């Protein structure tokens, strides 16, 4: 066999082996339950431990945040994702100019929960003694950690102690019931799971 014949065959073998290896790695790095969702975000595969009271850049382990922040949230390009949760009543519409990243997701969750509870929202919330007491207790703790903090309750206070991000999951039945009247259903609707 001449050297010129051997080289292309070796190259083809290496290329074929490399492609198989890359496919295996890509498959292994997918969420088994939600293969289109980045595994760093999926409830069944994430190892991220993040308290949503803190900004993602400082609340997520530095090496994990840096290595994952620019990864796409979904396998297919998307610029519109809807987030909702069984833990809080606010819906998050995430619209991005470019393909949505993991950092976009984390930042949207954090920013939503840092908003002040509006007077009209408080009007409904204050009717439920358990929720009102949870908010008041969490707000007091937040003020003790930072004396200069705004004394008005924030959405994060609604969660009480259940502020640990456990990932995103699909729940089409919940999304259908929770959909705000007048909004169109969106295929990329994900439910945020939070816990203590």
Protein backbone atom coordinates (compact mmCIF):
# COMPACT_ATOMS: atom_id res chain seq x y z
CA UNK A 1 0.00 0.00 0.00
CA UNK A 2 1.44 3.34 -0.98
CA UNK A 3 1.71 6.18 1.58
CA UNK A 4 -0.80 8.26 -0.40
CA UNK A 5 -3.47 5.52 -0.12
CA UNK A 6 -2.82 4.88 3.58
CA UNK A 7 -3.10 8.54 4.60
CA UNK A 8 -6.68 9.12 3.38
CA UNK A 9 -7.86 5.87 4.99
CA UNK A 10 -6.25 6.82 8.31
CA UNK A 11 -7.75 10.29 8.06
CA UNK A 12 -11.20 8.85 7.32
CA UNK A 13 -10.92 6.43 10.23
CA UNK A 14 -9.85 9.20 12.65
CA UNK A 15 -12.57 11.53 11.39
CA UNK A 16 -15.21 8.80 11.71
CA UNK A 17 -14.05 7.89 15.22
CA UNK A 18 -13.97 11.53 16.27
CA UNK A 19 -17.51 12.11 14.96
CA UNK A 20 -18.80 9.06 16.86
CA UNK A 21 -17.11 10.24 20.02
CA UNK A 22 -18.56 13.75 19.68
CA UNK A 23 -22.06 12.33 19.07
CA UNK A 24 -21.70 10.17 22.20
CA UNK A 25 -20.61 13.16 24.26
CA UNK A 26 -23.42 15.33 22.90
CA UNK A 27 -25.98 12.62 23.67
CA UNK A 28 -24.58 12.08 27.16
CA UNK A 29 -24.83 15.80 27.87
CA UNK A 30 -28.54 15.99 27.15
CA UNK A 31 -31.28 15.84 29.73
CA UNK A 32 -32.93 12.40 29.50
CA UNK A 33 -36.37 13.86 30.22
CA UNK A 34 -36.02 17.15 28.29
CA UNK A 35 -33.50 16.50 25.46
CA UNK A 36 -34.11 19.91 23.84
CA UNK A 37 -33.31 21.79 27.06
CA UNK A 38 -29.73 22.46 28.10
CA UNK A 39 -28.98 19.94 30.89
CA UNK A 40 -27.62 22.71 33.13
CA UNK A 41 -31.21 24.05 33.23
CA UNK A 42 -33.25 20.80 33.34
CA UNK A 43 -34.66 19.58 36.67
CA UNK A 44 -33.60 16.00 35.97
CA UNK A 45 -29.96 16.78 35.17
CA UNK A 46 -28.85 20.13 36.61
CA UNK A 47 -26.17 20.26 39.27
CA UNK A 48 -26.55 24.02 39.70
CA UNK A 49 -27.26 25.02 43.28
CA UNK A 50 -28.38 28.62 43.19
CA UNK A 51 -30.29 30.66 45.75
CA UNK A 52 -32.36 33.00 43.57
CA UNK A 53 -32.03 35.73 46.21
CA UNK A 54 -28.53 36.35 44.86
CA UNK A 55 -27.54 37.44 41.33
CA UNK A 56 -26.58 34.43 39.19
CA UNK A 57 -23.08 35.79 38.56
CA UNK A 58 -22.30 35.57 42.28
CA UNK A 59 -24.81 32.91 43.40
CA UNK A 60 -23.83 30.15 40.99
CA UNK A 61 -20.45 28.46 41.45
CA UNK A 62 -17.99 30.60 39.46
CA UNK A 63 -16.59 27.87 37.23
CA UNK A 64 -20.10 26.58 36.45
CA UNK A 65 -21.42 30.06 35.69
CA UNK A 66 -18.49 30.97 33.43
CA UNK A 67 -18.56 27.69 31.51
CA UNK A 68 -22.36 27.67 31.08
CA UNK A 69 -23.46 31.29 30.81
CA UNK A 70 -23.14 31.54 27.01
CA UNK A 71 -24.49 28.07 26.25
CA UNK A 72 -27.81 28.07 24.43
CA UNK A 73 -30.80 27.29 26.64
CA UNK A 74 -32.39 25.08 23.98
CA UNK A 75 -31.06 22.77 21.29
CA UNK A 76 -32.88 24.72 18.57
CA UNK A 77 -32.53 28.50 18.16
CA UNK A 78 -35.12 30.49 20.06
CA UNK A 79 -35.58 34.11 21.04
CA UNK A 80 -38.86 33.78 22.99
CA UNK A 81 -39.30 31.67 26.11
CA UNK A 82 -42.06 31.88 28.68
CA UNK A 83 -41.28 30.98 32.29
CA UNK A 84 -43.80 30.37 35.05
CA UNK A 85 -43.75 28.66 38.42
CA UNK A 86 -46.02 26.83 40.81
CA UNK A 87 -44.14 28.66 43.58
CA UNK A 88 -45.08 32.21 42.59
CA UNK A 89 -47.83 33.87 40.51
CA UNK A 90 -45.72 35.94 38.08
CA UNK A 91 -45.09 34.95 34.48
CA UNK A 92 -41.80 35.84 32.77
CA UNK A 93 -41.75 36.62 29.05
CA UNK A 94 -38.15 36.34 27.92
CA UNK A 95 -37.48 37.92 24.52
CA UNK A 96 -33.89 38.06 23.31
CA UNK A 97 -32.32 39.54 20.19
CA UNK A 98 -30.14 36.46 19.70
CA UNK A 99 -30.48 32.81 20.69
CA UNK A 100 -31.48 32.62 24.37
CA UNK A 101 -28.66 31.53 26.69
CA UNK A 102 -28.56 29.96 30.13
CA UNK A 103 -27.48 33.30 31.55
CA UNK A 104 -30.55 34.94 29.97
CA UNK A 105 -32.75 32.44 31.81
CA UNK A 106 -31.02 32.88 35.18
CA UNK A 107 -30.99 36.68 34.86
CA UNK A 108 -34.68 36.82 33.92
CA UNK A 109 -35.64 34.74 36.98
CA UNK A 110 -33.50 36.88 39.28
CA UNK A 111 -34.75 40.19 37.86
CA UNK A 112 -38.40 39.14 38.06
CA UNK A 113 -38.09 38.18 41.71
CA UNK A 114 -36.28 41.41 42.67
CA UNK A 115 -39.23 43.56 41.65
CA UNK A 116 -41.24 45.27 44.36
CA UNK A 117 -44.68 43.80 45.02
CA UNK A 118 -47.08 46.40 43.67
CA UNK A 119 -49.92 47.83 45.75
CA UNK A 120 -52.56 46.04 43.65
CA UNK A 121 -50.70 42.71 44.06
CA UNK A 122 -50.43 43.33 47.80
CA UNK A 123 -54.19 43.88 47.88
CA UNK A 124 -54.75 40.27 46.82
CA UNK A 125 -51.79 38.80 48.71
CA UNK A 126 -52.74 40.43 52.01
CA UNK A 127 -56.04 38.52 52.00
CA UNK A 128 -54.18 35.24 52.55
CA UNK A 129 -52.79 35.27 56.10
CA UNK A 130 -50.24 32.49 55.49
CA UNK A 131 -48.76 34.14 52.39
CA UNK A 132 -48.80 37.59 54.01
CA UNK A 133 -46.92 36.25 57.07
CA UNK A 134 -44.40 34.44 54.82
CA UNK A 135 -43.71 37.67 52.95
CA UNK A 136 -43.44 39.74 56.11
CA UNK A 137 -41.01 37.25 57.69
CA UNK A 138 -38.83 37.02 54.56
CA UNK A 139 -38.87 40.79 54.12
CA UNK A 140 -37.75 41.27 57.71
CA UNK A 141 -34.84 38.83 57.20
CA UNK A 142 -33.87 40.64 53.99
CA UNK A 143 -33.86 43.97 55.83
CA UNK A 144 -31.72 42.50 58.63
CA UNK A 145 -29.12 41.40 56.07
CA UNK A 146 -29.11 44.84 54.44
CA UNK A 147 -30.26 47.79 56.56
CA UNK A 148 -30.27 50.08 53.51
CA UNK A 149 -32.62 47.82 51.51
CA UNK A 150 -35.96 49.12 50.32
CA UNK A 151 -38.50 48.20 53.05
CA UNK A 152 -41.25 47.44 50.53
CA UNK A 153 -41.83 43.72 50.02
CA UNK A 154 -40.29 42.14 46.95
CA UNK A 155 -41.47 39.21 44.90
CA UNK A 156 -38.58 37.15 46.29
CA UNK A 157 -40.16 37.52 49.74
CA UNK A 158 -43.25 35.70 48.44
CA UNK A 159 -41.14 32.52 48.30
CA UNK A 160 -40.18 32.57 51.98
CA UNK A 161 -37.37 30.03 52.37
CA UNK A 162 -38.08 28.11 49.14
CA UNK A 163 -35.54 30.04 47.05
CA UNK A 164 -33.27 27.29 45.71
CA UNK A 165 -33.35 26.91 41.93
CA UNK A 166 -33.95 23.27 41.01
CA UNK A 167 -34.21 23.77 37.26
CA UNK A 168 -36.87 23.97 34.57
CA UNK A 169 -39.43 21.37 33.65
CA UNK A 170 -42.34 20.96 31.25
CA UNK A 171 -45.88 20.88 32.57
CA UNK A 172 -48.22 21.59 29.67
CA UNK A 173 -51.37 21.15 31.78
CA UNK A 174 -50.19 23.74 34.32
CA UNK A 175 -49.04 26.08 31.53
CA UNK A 176 -52.45 25.88 29.86
CA UNK A 177 -54.31 26.73 33.09
CA UNK A 178 -51.78 29.41 34.08
CA UNK A 179 -51.73 31.13 30.67
CA UNK A 180 -52.79 34.76 31.03
CA UNK A 181 -56.04 35.41 29.11
CA UNK A 182 -55.27 36.98 25.74
CA UNK A 183 -51.75 35.49 25.52
CA UNK A 184 -51.10 32.93 22.83
CA UNK A 185 -49.78 29.52 23.91
CA UNK A 186 -46.03 29.22 23.41
CA UNK A 187 -44.30 25.89 22.75
CA UNK A 188 -41.27 27.00 24.74
CA UNK A 189 -43.07 27.46 28.04
CA UNK A 190 -41.09 26.12 30.98
CA UNK A 191 -41.95 25.80 34.65
CA UNK A 192 -39.37 26.97 37.20
CA UNK A 193 -38.95 24.54 40.07
CA UNK A 194 -37.88 26.02 43.41
CA UNK A 195 -37.38 24.40 46.80
CA UNK A 196 -35.80 24.94 50.23
